[in-house]
């Protein structure tokens, strides 16, 4: 029986497809769907910086950000931290709309910090997940790889079945 499904959310196309599939499964089994976004503090690549500006998550001329709702920033956050947090909230909100639109009812947004694979494994263990869905590639610099390093690590080490979606 499937009671808890985790979907890794990073805003990439494979991640969005994984959210759709996870939502379909959660809806079918009336399972809880946890949308997990991992905040990995790093330098923001220019395409993501532009996306944050296009979506009005930051103002291009001043780089100020919109207020964050549920992602907490460390004291004295850098501009990159603000952008990553704003993008994380945006992607989680989009994923929630997608999941609810596909019939998932018990949906929660879960922002966590750390290395993506480690944080997702930790959440799967902590929450007793029955399934972990992820995209095969994210926004990493080597996104052209056949199987991303996070998906590869999850397939090797996750405490539950992993659904890796292209």
N, C-alpha and C. Protein backbone atom coordinates (compact mmCIF):
# COMPACT_ATOMS: atom_id res chain seq x y z
N UNK A 1 0.85 -1.19 0.00
CA UNK A 1 0.00 0.00 0.00
C UNK A 1 0.89 1.24 0.00
N UNK A 2 0.53 2.20 -0.77
CA UNK A 2 1.29 3.45 -0.86
C UNK A 2 0.57 4.51 -0.02
N UNK A 3 1.27 5.01 1.00
CA UNK A 3 0.70 6.02 1.88
C UNK A 3 1.40 7.38 1.75
N UNK A 4 2.70 7.35 1.44
CA UNK A 4 3.47 8.60 1.36
C UNK A 4 4.34 8.58 0.11
N UNK A 5 4.17 9.61 -0.71
CA UNK A 5 4.96 9.77 -1.93
C UNK A 5 5.72 11.09 -1.82
N UNK A 6 7.00 11.04 -2.13
CA UNK A 6 7.81 12.26 -2.18
C UNK A 6 8.13 12.55 -3.64
N UNK A 7 7.97 13.81 -4.03
CA UNK A 7 8.37 14.26 -5.36
C UNK A 7 9.43 15.34 -5.20
N UNK A 8 10.59 15.13 -5.80
CA UNK A 8 11.67 16.12 -5.77
C UNK A 8 11.33 17.23 -6.76
N UNK A 9 11.39 18.47 -6.28
CA UNK A 9 10.99 19.62 -7.09
C UNK A 9 12.19 20.53 -7.31
N UNK A 10 12.58 20.72 -8.59
CA UNK A 10 13.67 21.67 -8.87
C UNK A 10 13.35 22.58 -10.05
N UNK A 11 12.14 22.53 -10.56
CA UNK A 11 11.74 23.42 -11.64
C UNK A 11 12.14 22.96 -13.03
N UNK A 12 12.89 21.89 -13.15
CA UNK A 12 13.29 21.40 -14.47
C UNK A 12 12.12 20.63 -15.10
N UNK A 13 12.18 20.43 -16.41
CA UNK A 13 11.13 19.68 -17.10
C UNK A 13 11.01 18.25 -16.57
N UNK A 14 12.13 17.51 -16.41
CA UNK A 14 11.99 16.16 -15.84
C UNK A 14 11.37 16.17 -14.45
N UNK A 15 11.70 17.16 -13.63
CA UNK A 15 11.11 17.27 -12.30
C UNK A 15 9.61 17.52 -12.40
N UNK A 16 9.19 18.36 -13.31
CA UNK A 16 7.77 18.64 -13.49
C UNK A 16 7.02 17.38 -13.91
N UNK A 17 7.62 16.61 -14.80
CA UNK A 17 6.99 15.35 -15.21
C UNK A 17 6.94 14.37 -14.04
N UNK A 18 7.97 14.36 -13.19
CA UNK A 18 7.97 13.49 -12.01
C UNK A 18 6.86 13.91 -11.04
N UNK A 19 6.65 15.21 -10.88
CA UNK A 19 5.57 15.70 -10.02
C UNK A 19 4.22 15.22 -10.56
N UNK A 20 4.03 15.30 -11.86
CA UNK A 20 2.77 14.84 -12.46
C UNK A 20 2.52 13.36 -12.17
N UNK A 21 3.55 12.55 -12.37
CA UNK A 21 3.39 11.11 -12.14
C UNK A 21 3.17 10.82 -10.66
N UNK A 22 3.92 11.51 -9.79
CA UNK A 22 3.75 11.31 -8.35
C UNK A 22 2.35 11.73 -7.91
N UNK A 23 1.83 12.81 -8.48
CA UNK A 23 0.48 13.27 -8.15
C UNK A 23 -0.56 12.25 -8.60
N UNK A 24 -0.37 11.68 -9.78
CA UNK A 24 -1.30 10.65 -10.26
C UNK A 24 -1.32 9.46 -9.32
N UNK A 25 -0.15 9.04 -8.87
CA UNK A 25 -0.05 7.90 -7.95
C UNK A 25 -0.68 8.26 -6.60
N UNK A 26 -0.37 9.44 -6.09
CA UNK A 26 -0.94 9.88 -4.80
C UNK A 26 -2.46 9.96 -4.89
N UNK A 27 -2.98 10.46 -6.00
CA UNK A 27 -4.43 10.56 -6.16
C UNK A 27 -5.06 9.17 -6.20
N UNK A 28 -4.44 8.25 -6.92
CA UNK A 28 -4.99 6.90 -7.05
C UNK A 28 -5.05 6.18 -5.71
N UNK A 29 -4.02 6.35 -4.88
CA UNK A 29 -3.95 5.64 -3.60
C UNK A 29 -4.37 6.49 -2.41
N UNK A 30 -4.87 7.70 -2.66
CA UNK A 30 -5.23 8.64 -1.59
C UNK A 30 -4.05 8.80 -0.62
N UNK A 31 -2.87 8.92 -1.20
CA UNK A 31 -1.63 9.03 -0.41
C UNK A 31 -1.27 10.49 -0.18
N UNK A 32 -0.46 10.71 0.83
CA UNK A 32 0.10 12.04 1.07
C UNK A 32 1.20 12.28 0.04
N UNK A 33 1.19 13.45 -0.57
CA UNK A 33 2.23 13.83 -1.53
C UNK A 33 3.05 14.95 -0.94
N UNK A 34 4.32 14.68 -0.73
CA UNK A 34 5.24 15.68 -0.19
C UNK A 34 6.09 16.22 -1.34
N UNK A 35 5.94 17.49 -1.61
CA UNK A 35 6.73 18.15 -2.65
C UNK A 35 7.96 18.73 -1.97
N UNK A 36 9.11 18.13 -2.23
CA UNK A 36 10.34 18.50 -1.53
C UNK A 36 11.27 19.26 -2.47
N UNK A 37 11.62 20.48 -2.05
CA UNK A 37 12.62 21.27 -2.77
C UNK A 37 13.83 21.42 -1.86
N UNK A 38 14.99 21.07 -2.38
CA UNK A 38 16.22 21.16 -1.60
C UNK A 38 16.94 22.46 -1.94
N UNK A 39 17.12 23.28 -0.91
CA UNK A 39 17.89 24.52 -1.06
C UNK A 39 19.36 24.15 -0.91
N UNK A 40 20.06 24.24 -2.02
CA UNK A 40 21.49 23.94 -2.04
C UNK A 40 22.18 25.26 -2.32
N UNK A 41 22.69 25.89 -1.26
CA UNK A 41 23.27 27.24 -1.41
C UNK A 41 24.49 27.17 -2.30
N UNK A 42 24.40 27.81 -3.44
CA UNK A 42 25.49 27.85 -4.42
C UNK A 42 25.33 29.09 -5.26
N UNK A 43 26.29 29.31 -6.11
CA UNK A 43 26.19 30.45 -7.03
C UNK A 43 25.08 30.16 -8.03
N UNK A 44 24.26 31.15 -8.30
CA UNK A 44 23.12 30.99 -9.21
C UNK A 44 23.59 31.11 -10.66
N UNK A 45 23.36 30.07 -11.48
CA UNK A 45 23.70 30.18 -12.90
C UNK A 45 22.88 31.28 -13.56
N UNK A 46 23.45 31.92 -14.57
CA UNK A 46 22.78 33.05 -15.23
C UNK A 46 21.39 32.71 -15.76
N UNK A 47 21.15 31.53 -16.35
CA UNK A 47 19.78 31.24 -16.82
C UNK A 47 18.75 31.26 -15.68
N UNK A 48 19.13 30.77 -14.50
CA UNK A 48 18.20 30.80 -13.37
C UNK A 48 18.02 32.22 -12.84
N UNK A 49 19.08 33.00 -12.87
CA UNK A 49 18.98 34.41 -12.45
C UNK A 49 17.98 35.14 -13.37
N UNK A 50 18.09 34.90 -14.68
CA UNK A 50 17.16 35.53 -15.63
C UNK A 50 15.73 35.05 -15.41
N UNK A 51 15.57 33.74 -15.12
CA UNK A 51 14.24 33.21 -14.84
C UNK A 51 13.61 33.92 -13.64
N UNK A 52 14.40 34.14 -12.59
CA UNK A 52 13.90 34.83 -11.40
C UNK A 52 13.45 36.24 -11.75
N UNK A 53 14.16 36.90 -12.65
CA UNK A 53 13.77 38.25 -13.08
C UNK A 53 12.51 38.21 -13.94
N UNK A 54 12.45 37.26 -14.87
CA UNK A 54 11.28 37.15 -15.75
C UNK A 54 10.01 36.88 -14.95
N UNK A 55 10.12 36.04 -13.93
CA UNK A 55 8.96 35.69 -13.10
C UNK A 55 8.70 36.73 -12.02
N UNK A 56 9.46 37.82 -12.04
CA UNK A 56 9.32 38.92 -11.07
C UNK A 56 9.54 38.46 -9.63
N UNK A 57 10.44 37.49 -9.46
CA UNK A 57 10.82 37.05 -8.12
C UNK A 57 11.89 37.97 -7.56
N UNK A 58 12.62 38.62 -8.45
CA UNK A 58 13.58 39.67 -8.08
C UNK A 58 13.38 40.81 -9.06
N UNK A 59 13.73 42.00 -8.64
CA UNK A 59 13.63 43.15 -9.52
C UNK A 59 14.99 43.37 -10.17
N UNK A 60 15.06 43.36 -11.51
CA UNK A 60 16.36 43.40 -12.19
C UNK A 60 17.22 44.60 -11.83
N UNK A 61 16.60 45.77 -11.69
CA UNK A 61 17.45 46.94 -11.47
C UNK A 61 18.06 46.97 -10.07
N UNK A 62 17.36 46.45 -9.07
CA UNK A 62 17.89 46.52 -7.70
C UNK A 62 18.22 45.15 -7.13
N UNK A 63 17.74 44.09 -7.80
CA UNK A 63 17.92 42.71 -7.33
C UNK A 63 17.24 42.47 -5.97
N UNK A 64 16.28 43.34 -5.63
CA UNK A 64 15.51 43.08 -4.41
C UNK A 64 14.57 41.93 -4.70
N UNK A 65 14.19 41.21 -3.65
CA UNK A 65 13.31 40.07 -3.86
C UNK A 65 11.94 40.32 -3.27
N UNK A 66 11.00 39.55 -3.78
CA UNK A 66 9.67 39.57 -3.18
C UNK A 66 9.76 38.88 -1.82
N UNK A 67 8.85 39.18 -0.90
CA UNK A 67 8.90 38.52 0.40
C UNK A 67 8.72 37.01 0.27
N UNK A 68 9.46 36.27 1.05
CA UNK A 68 9.35 34.82 1.04
C UNK A 68 8.29 34.40 2.05
N UNK A 69 7.55 33.36 1.73
CA UNK A 69 6.46 32.91 2.58
C UNK A 69 6.88 31.86 3.59
N UNK A 70 7.56 30.82 3.14
CA UNK A 70 7.86 29.72 4.05
C UNK A 70 9.29 29.23 3.98
N UNK A 71 10.12 29.79 3.16
CA UNK A 71 11.53 29.42 3.14
C UNK A 71 12.29 30.46 3.96
N UNK A 72 12.99 29.99 4.97
CA UNK A 72 13.76 30.89 5.82
C UNK A 72 15.17 31.04 5.28
N UNK A 73 15.64 32.27 5.28
CA UNK A 73 17.01 32.55 4.84
C UNK A 73 17.92 32.66 6.05
N UNK A 74 19.20 32.32 5.87
CA UNK A 74 20.14 32.52 6.97
C UNK A 74 20.33 34.01 7.24
N UNK A 75 20.88 34.37 8.40
CA UNK A 75 21.16 35.78 8.66
C UNK A 75 22.10 36.32 7.57
N UNK A 76 21.86 37.53 7.15
CA UNK A 76 22.66 38.19 6.11
C UNK A 76 22.81 37.32 4.86
N UNK A 77 21.70 37.02 4.22
CA UNK A 77 21.78 36.18 3.02
C UNK A 77 22.42 36.92 1.86
N UNK A 78 23.07 36.17 0.99
CA UNK A 78 23.64 36.77 -0.21
C UNK A 78 22.53 36.93 -1.25
N UNK A 79 22.84 37.66 -2.30
CA UNK A 79 21.89 37.82 -3.40
C UNK A 79 21.54 36.46 -4.00
N UNK A 80 22.54 35.59 -4.16
CA UNK A 80 22.29 34.26 -4.70
C UNK A 80 21.35 33.47 -3.81
N UNK A 81 21.50 33.58 -2.49
CA UNK A 81 20.61 32.87 -1.57
C UNK A 81 19.18 33.35 -1.72
N UNK A 82 19.02 34.66 -1.86
CA UNK A 82 17.67 35.21 -2.03
C UNK A 82 17.03 34.69 -3.32
N UNK A 83 17.81 34.66 -4.38
CA UNK A 83 17.29 34.20 -5.67
C UNK A 83 16.93 32.72 -5.58
N UNK A 84 17.81 31.90 -5.01
CA UNK A 84 17.53 30.47 -4.90
C UNK A 84 16.30 30.21 -4.05
N UNK A 85 16.14 30.95 -2.96
CA UNK A 85 14.96 30.77 -2.10
C UNK A 85 13.69 31.19 -2.83
N UNK A 86 13.75 32.30 -3.57
CA UNK A 86 12.58 32.76 -4.32
C UNK A 86 12.20 31.76 -5.41
N UNK A 87 13.20 31.24 -6.12
CA UNK A 87 12.92 30.23 -7.14
C UNK A 87 12.34 28.97 -6.50
N UNK A 88 12.88 28.56 -5.35
CA UNK A 88 12.37 27.38 -4.66
C UNK A 88 10.90 27.52 -4.32
N UNK A 89 10.53 28.67 -3.78
CA UNK A 89 9.11 28.91 -3.46
C UNK A 89 8.26 28.90 -4.72
N UNK A 90 8.74 29.54 -5.77
CA UNK A 90 8.01 29.58 -7.03
C UNK A 90 7.77 28.16 -7.56
N UNK A 91 8.84 27.35 -7.58
CA UNK A 91 8.72 25.98 -8.10
C UNK A 91 7.80 25.12 -7.22
N UNK A 92 7.88 25.28 -5.90
CA UNK A 92 6.99 24.53 -5.01
C UNK A 92 5.53 24.93 -5.24
N UNK A 93 5.28 26.21 -5.39
CA UNK A 93 3.90 26.66 -5.64
C UNK A 93 3.38 26.11 -6.97
N UNK A 94 4.22 26.14 -8.00
CA UNK A 94 3.82 25.59 -9.30
C UNK A 94 3.56 24.09 -9.19
N UNK A 95 4.42 23.38 -8.46
CA UNK A 95 4.26 21.93 -8.30
C UNK A 95 2.96 21.62 -7.55
N UNK A 96 2.64 22.43 -6.54
CA UNK A 96 1.40 22.21 -5.80
C UNK A 96 0.18 22.38 -6.71
N UNK A 97 0.18 23.42 -7.53
CA UNK A 97 -0.93 23.62 -8.47
C UNK A 97 -1.06 22.44 -9.43
N UNK A 98 0.07 21.96 -9.92
CA UNK A 98 0.08 20.81 -10.82
C UNK A 98 -0.49 19.58 -10.12
N UNK A 99 -0.01 19.31 -8.91
CA UNK A 99 -0.44 18.12 -8.17
C UNK A 99 -1.94 18.16 -7.86
N UNK A 100 -2.40 19.30 -7.38
CA UNK A 100 -3.84 19.42 -7.06
C UNK A 100 -4.69 19.32 -8.33
N UNK A 101 -4.17 19.86 -9.42
CA UNK A 101 -4.88 19.78 -10.70
C UNK A 101 -5.00 18.36 -11.22
N UNK A 102 -4.14 17.47 -10.74
CA UNK A 102 -4.17 16.08 -11.16
C UNK A 102 -4.91 15.20 -10.15
N UNK A 103 -5.52 15.83 -9.14
CA UNK A 103 -6.36 15.07 -8.21
C UNK A 103 -5.72 14.70 -6.89
N UNK A 104 -4.47 15.08 -6.67
CA UNK A 104 -3.85 14.81 -5.37
C UNK A 104 -4.48 15.75 -4.35
N UNK A 105 -4.86 15.21 -3.20
CA UNK A 105 -5.57 16.00 -2.19
C UNK A 105 -4.66 16.36 -1.02
N UNK A 106 -3.92 15.38 -0.52
CA UNK A 106 -3.05 15.59 0.64
C UNK A 106 -1.66 16.01 0.16
N UNK A 107 -1.52 17.29 -0.14
CA UNK A 107 -0.28 17.81 -0.71
C UNK A 107 0.37 18.77 0.27
N UNK A 108 1.68 18.57 0.51
CA UNK A 108 2.44 19.48 1.39
C UNK A 108 3.71 19.91 0.68
N UNK A 109 4.06 21.18 0.87
CA UNK A 109 5.32 21.72 0.34
C UNK A 109 6.36 21.63 1.45
N UNK A 110 7.52 21.05 1.12
CA UNK A 110 8.56 20.82 2.12
C UNK A 110 9.89 21.36 1.62
N UNK A 111 10.28 22.57 2.01
CA UNK A 111 11.62 23.06 1.67
C UNK A 111 12.63 22.54 2.70
N UNK A 112 13.75 22.02 2.22
CA UNK A 112 14.82 21.55 3.11
C UNK A 112 16.15 22.07 2.57
N UNK A 113 17.17 22.03 3.40
CA UNK A 113 18.50 22.48 2.98
C UNK A 113 19.46 21.31 2.92
N UNK A 114 20.50 21.45 2.09
CA UNK A 114 21.56 20.45 2.05
C UNK A 114 21.92 20.06 0.64
N UNK A 115 22.73 19.02 0.55
CA UNK A 115 23.03 18.43 -0.76
C UNK A 115 21.77 17.71 -1.22
N UNK A 116 21.35 17.90 -2.46
CA UNK A 116 20.06 17.37 -2.90
C UNK A 116 19.83 15.88 -2.61
N UNK A 117 20.71 15.00 -3.02
CA UNK A 117 20.47 13.57 -2.81
C UNK A 117 20.40 13.23 -1.33
N UNK A 118 21.34 13.75 -0.55
CA UNK A 118 21.34 13.46 0.89
C UNK A 118 20.07 13.96 1.56
N UNK A 119 19.64 15.17 1.21
CA UNK A 119 18.45 15.75 1.83
C UNK A 119 17.19 14.96 1.44
N UNK A 120 17.09 14.53 0.20
CA UNK A 120 15.93 13.75 -0.23
C UNK A 120 15.91 12.38 0.45
N UNK A 121 17.06 11.76 0.58
CA UNK A 121 17.13 10.47 1.27
C UNK A 121 16.74 10.63 2.73
N UNK A 122 17.24 11.69 3.36
CA UNK A 122 16.91 11.97 4.76
C UNK A 122 15.39 12.16 4.94
N UNK A 123 14.77 12.92 4.02
CA UNK A 123 13.32 13.14 4.10
C UNK A 123 12.56 11.83 3.88
N UNK A 124 13.00 11.02 2.93
CA UNK A 124 12.34 9.74 2.67
C UNK A 124 12.40 8.84 3.90
N UNK A 125 13.56 8.81 4.57
CA UNK A 125 13.70 8.01 5.79
C UNK A 125 12.82 8.58 6.90
N UNK A 126 12.92 9.88 7.11
CA UNK A 126 12.19 10.54 8.20
C UNK A 126 10.68 10.39 8.06
N UNK A 127 10.20 10.44 6.84
CA UNK A 127 8.75 10.41 6.60
C UNK A 127 8.21 9.03 6.26
N UNK A 128 9.10 8.04 6.20
CA UNK A 128 8.66 6.69 5.86
C UNK A 128 8.04 6.62 4.47
N UNK A 129 8.68 7.27 3.51
CA UNK A 129 8.14 7.33 2.15
C UNK A 129 8.06 5.94 1.53
N UNK A 130 6.99 5.73 0.78
CA UNK A 130 6.80 4.48 0.05
C UNK A 130 7.31 4.59 -1.38
N UNK A 131 7.49 5.83 -1.86
CA UNK A 131 7.97 6.08 -3.21
C UNK A 131 8.60 7.46 -3.27
N UNK A 132 9.70 7.57 -4.01
CA UNK A 132 10.37 8.85 -4.21
C UNK A 132 10.46 9.08 -5.72
N UNK A 133 9.83 10.14 -6.20
CA UNK A 133 9.85 10.46 -7.63
C UNK A 133 10.79 11.63 -7.89
N UNK A 134 11.61 11.51 -8.93
CA UNK A 134 12.54 12.58 -9.26
C UNK A 134 12.73 12.63 -10.77
N UNK A 135 13.20 13.76 -11.24
CA UNK A 135 13.57 13.88 -12.64
C UNK A 135 14.96 13.28 -12.84
N UNK A 136 15.22 12.84 -14.05
CA UNK A 136 16.53 12.25 -14.31
C UNK A 136 17.62 13.29 -14.43
N UNK A 137 17.24 14.54 -14.73
CA UNK A 137 18.21 15.62 -14.82
C UNK A 137 17.59 16.88 -14.25
N UNK A 138 18.41 17.69 -13.59
CA UNK A 138 17.93 18.94 -13.04
C UNK A 138 18.56 20.12 -13.74
N UNK A 139 18.82 21.18 -12.97
CA UNK A 139 19.41 22.40 -13.52
C UNK A 139 20.93 22.40 -13.41
N UNK A 140 21.53 21.28 -13.08
CA UNK A 140 22.97 21.24 -12.90
C UNK A 140 23.72 21.64 -14.15
N UNK A 141 24.99 22.02 -13.95
CA UNK A 141 25.82 22.46 -15.06
C UNK A 141 26.01 21.36 -16.10
N UNK A 142 25.93 20.10 -15.68
CA UNK A 142 26.11 18.99 -16.61
C UNK A 142 24.76 18.36 -16.93
N UNK A 143 23.76 19.19 -17.17
CA UNK A 143 22.39 18.70 -17.38
C UNK A 143 22.28 17.78 -18.59
N UNK A 144 23.27 17.80 -19.46
CA UNK A 144 23.19 16.96 -20.65
C UNK A 144 23.55 15.50 -20.36
N UNK A 145 24.00 15.20 -19.17
CA UNK A 145 24.31 13.81 -18.85
C UNK A 145 23.06 12.95 -18.95
N UNK A 146 23.23 11.69 -19.32
CA UNK A 146 22.10 10.80 -19.49
C UNK A 146 21.30 10.64 -18.20
N UNK A 147 21.98 10.46 -17.09
CA UNK A 147 21.31 10.33 -15.80
C UNK A 147 22.02 11.25 -14.83
N UNK A 148 21.31 12.20 -14.27
CA UNK A 148 21.92 13.16 -13.35
C UNK A 148 22.48 12.49 -12.11
N UNK A 149 23.42 13.16 -11.48
CA UNK A 149 24.07 12.59 -10.30
C UNK A 149 23.11 12.43 -9.14
N UNK A 150 22.14 13.34 -8.98
CA UNK A 150 21.17 13.21 -7.89
C UNK A 150 20.30 11.98 -8.12
N UNK A 151 19.75 11.84 -9.32
CA UNK A 151 18.92 10.68 -9.62
C UNK A 151 19.72 9.39 -9.45
N UNK A 152 20.95 9.39 -9.91
CA UNK A 152 21.80 8.21 -9.78
C UNK A 152 22.00 7.84 -8.32
N UNK A 153 22.31 8.83 -7.50
CA UNK A 153 22.52 8.58 -6.07
C UNK A 153 21.23 8.10 -5.40
N UNK A 154 20.10 8.66 -5.77
CA UNK A 154 18.83 8.22 -5.19
C UNK A 154 18.54 6.77 -5.56
N UNK A 155 18.78 6.42 -6.82
CA UNK A 155 18.55 5.04 -7.25
C UNK A 155 19.42 4.06 -6.47
N UNK A 156 20.61 4.49 -6.07
CA UNK A 156 21.52 3.62 -5.34
C UNK A 156 21.23 3.56 -3.84
N UNK A 157 20.81 4.68 -3.24
CA UNK A 157 20.81 4.78 -1.78
C UNK A 157 19.46 5.04 -1.11
N UNK A 158 18.44 5.36 -1.86
CA UNK A 158 17.14 5.69 -1.24
C UNK A 158 16.57 4.49 -0.50
N UNK A 159 15.86 4.73 0.61
CA UNK A 159 15.30 3.65 1.41
C UNK A 159 13.98 3.09 0.86
N UNK A 160 13.55 3.60 -0.30
CA UNK A 160 12.28 3.17 -0.89
C UNK A 160 12.45 3.12 -2.41
N UNK A 161 11.46 2.58 -3.12
CA UNK A 161 11.54 2.60 -4.58
C UNK A 161 11.65 4.03 -5.11
N UNK A 162 12.39 4.18 -6.20
CA UNK A 162 12.59 5.49 -6.83
C UNK A 162 12.02 5.44 -8.24
N UNK A 163 11.21 6.45 -8.55
CA UNK A 163 10.67 6.62 -9.89
C UNK A 163 11.47 7.75 -10.54
N UNK A 164 12.37 7.40 -11.46
CA UNK A 164 13.21 8.40 -12.15
C UNK A 164 12.56 8.69 -13.50
N UNK A 165 12.17 9.95 -13.70
CA UNK A 165 11.37 10.33 -14.86
C UNK A 165 12.19 11.19 -15.82
N UNK A 166 12.17 10.82 -17.11
CA UNK A 166 12.87 11.60 -18.15
C UNK A 166 12.08 12.82 -18.53
